[in-house]
Amino acid sequence: MPVAVSGVIGCAPARLDEDWTRLDPPIPAPDFTLSTLDGEPVTLSAFKGQVVFIEFWATWCGPCRQSTPSLDVLYRKFADAGLQVL
């Protein structure tokens, strides 16, 4: 099953002191299909065995727009190791 790794920046300030609970055992991401910017369908299960970084964002969200260059750097650095950024 694919494992989805998602970065959440959000439009509200994050609490840095918030405790995060690790899921043990990990829960597989549910399969889903969305359209690319070109209108082509992409299904999460098509990336089985790869590391997938998924970020949902909006053009009106300042923090979302600021994260885009970082995602590009992340992808360029780890693409050869199999990282997919959606």
Protein backbone atom coordinates (compact mmCIF):
# COMPACT_ATOMS: atom_id res chain seq x y z
CA MET A 1 0.00 0.00 0.00
CA PRO A 2 1.23 3.52 -0.69
CA VAL A 3 2.27 5.65 2.20
CA ALA A 4 1.30 9.30 2.01
CA VAL A 5 3.47 11.87 3.67
CA SER A 6 1.80 15.22 3.88
CA GLY A 7 3.11 18.57 4.96
CA VAL A 8 0.59 20.82 6.59
CA ILE A 9 1.39 24.48 6.83
CA GLY A 10 -2.14 25.87 6.88
CA CYS A 11 -3.35 29.41 7.03
CA ALA A 12 -3.39 29.63 10.80
CA PRO A 13 -0.39 29.79 13.11
CA ALA A 14 0.83 26.38 14.21
CA ARG A 15 1.47 25.62 17.86
CA LEU A 16 5.10 24.63 18.13
CA ASP A 17 4.58 23.16 21.60
CA GLU A 18 1.81 20.82 20.43
CA ASP A 19 2.47 17.13 21.02
CA TRP A 20 2.26 14.90 17.95
CA THR A 21 1.30 11.27 18.41
CA ARG A 22 2.99 8.73 16.19
CA LEU A 23 0.64 6.16 14.69
CA ASP A 24 1.94 2.76 15.64
CA PRO A 25 1.36 0.74 13.61
CA PRO A 26 1.14 3.26 10.75
CA ILE A 27 -2.21 3.56 9.01
CA PRO A 28 -2.06 3.24 5.21
CA ALA A 29 -3.41 6.19 3.27
CA PRO A 30 -6.74 5.54 1.56
CA ASP A 31 -6.60 5.38 -2.21
CA PHE A 32 -8.04 8.35 -4.07
CA THR A 33 -8.02 9.89 -7.53
CA LEU A 34 -7.73 13.60 -8.34
CA SER A 35 -7.15 15.57 -11.52
CA THR A 36 -3.84 17.19 -12.43
CA LEU A 37 -3.69 20.79 -13.64
CA ASP A 38 -3.92 19.32 -17.15
CA GLY A 39 -7.15 17.50 -16.26
CA GLU A 40 -5.53 14.06 -16.24
CA PRO A 41 -6.50 11.68 -13.42
CA VAL A 42 -3.84 10.66 -10.93
CA THR A 43 -4.44 7.89 -8.39
CA LEU A 44 -2.44 7.50 -5.19
CA SER A 45 -2.10 3.72 -5.67
CA ALA A 46 -0.14 4.41 -8.88
CA PHE A 47 2.74 5.51 -6.63
CA LYS A 48 2.95 2.26 -4.66
CA GLY A 49 6.42 1.76 -3.20
CA GLN A 50 7.40 5.41 -3.55
CA VAL A 51 7.54 8.20 -1.02
CA VAL A 52 4.75 10.66 -1.81
CA PHE A 53 4.52 14.18 -0.42
CA ILE A 54 1.01 15.58 -0.78
CA GLU A 55 0.13 19.18 -0.05
CA PHE A 56 -3.27 20.72 -0.62
CA TRP A 57 -3.12 24.48 -0.91
CA ALA A 58 -4.97 27.51 -2.20
CA THR A 59 -3.73 30.39 -4.34
CA TRP A 60 -5.14 32.92 -1.86
CA CYS A 61 -3.22 31.38 1.07
CA GLY A 62 0.02 33.28 1.72
CA PRO A 63 1.77 30.49 3.68
CA CYS A 64 0.75 28.01 0.98
CA ARG A 65 2.31 30.15 -1.76
CA GLN A 66 5.45 30.62 0.34
CA SER A 67 5.89 26.84 0.68
CA THR A 68 5.97 26.20 -3.07
CA PRO A 69 9.68 27.03 -3.60
CA SER A 70 10.57 24.74 -0.69
CA LEU A 71 8.63 21.89 -2.28
CA ASP A 72 10.57 22.42 -5.50
CA VAL A 73 13.88 22.24 -3.61
CA LEU A 74 12.72 19.13 -1.75
CA TYR A 75 11.68 17.43 -4.98
CA ARG A 76 14.92 18.29 -6.81
CA LYS A 77 16.99 16.99 -3.90
CA PHE A 78 15.16 13.67 -3.46
CA ALA A 79 13.58 12.92 -6.86
CA ASP A 80 16.37 10.49 -7.76
CA ALA A 81 15.59 8.60 -4.53
CA GLY A 82 11.94 8.21 -5.63
CA LEU A 83 10.22 11.18 -3.99
CA GLN A 84 6.98 12.23 -5.68
CA VAL A 85 5.41 15.60 -4.86
CA LEU A 86 1.71 16.05 -5.55
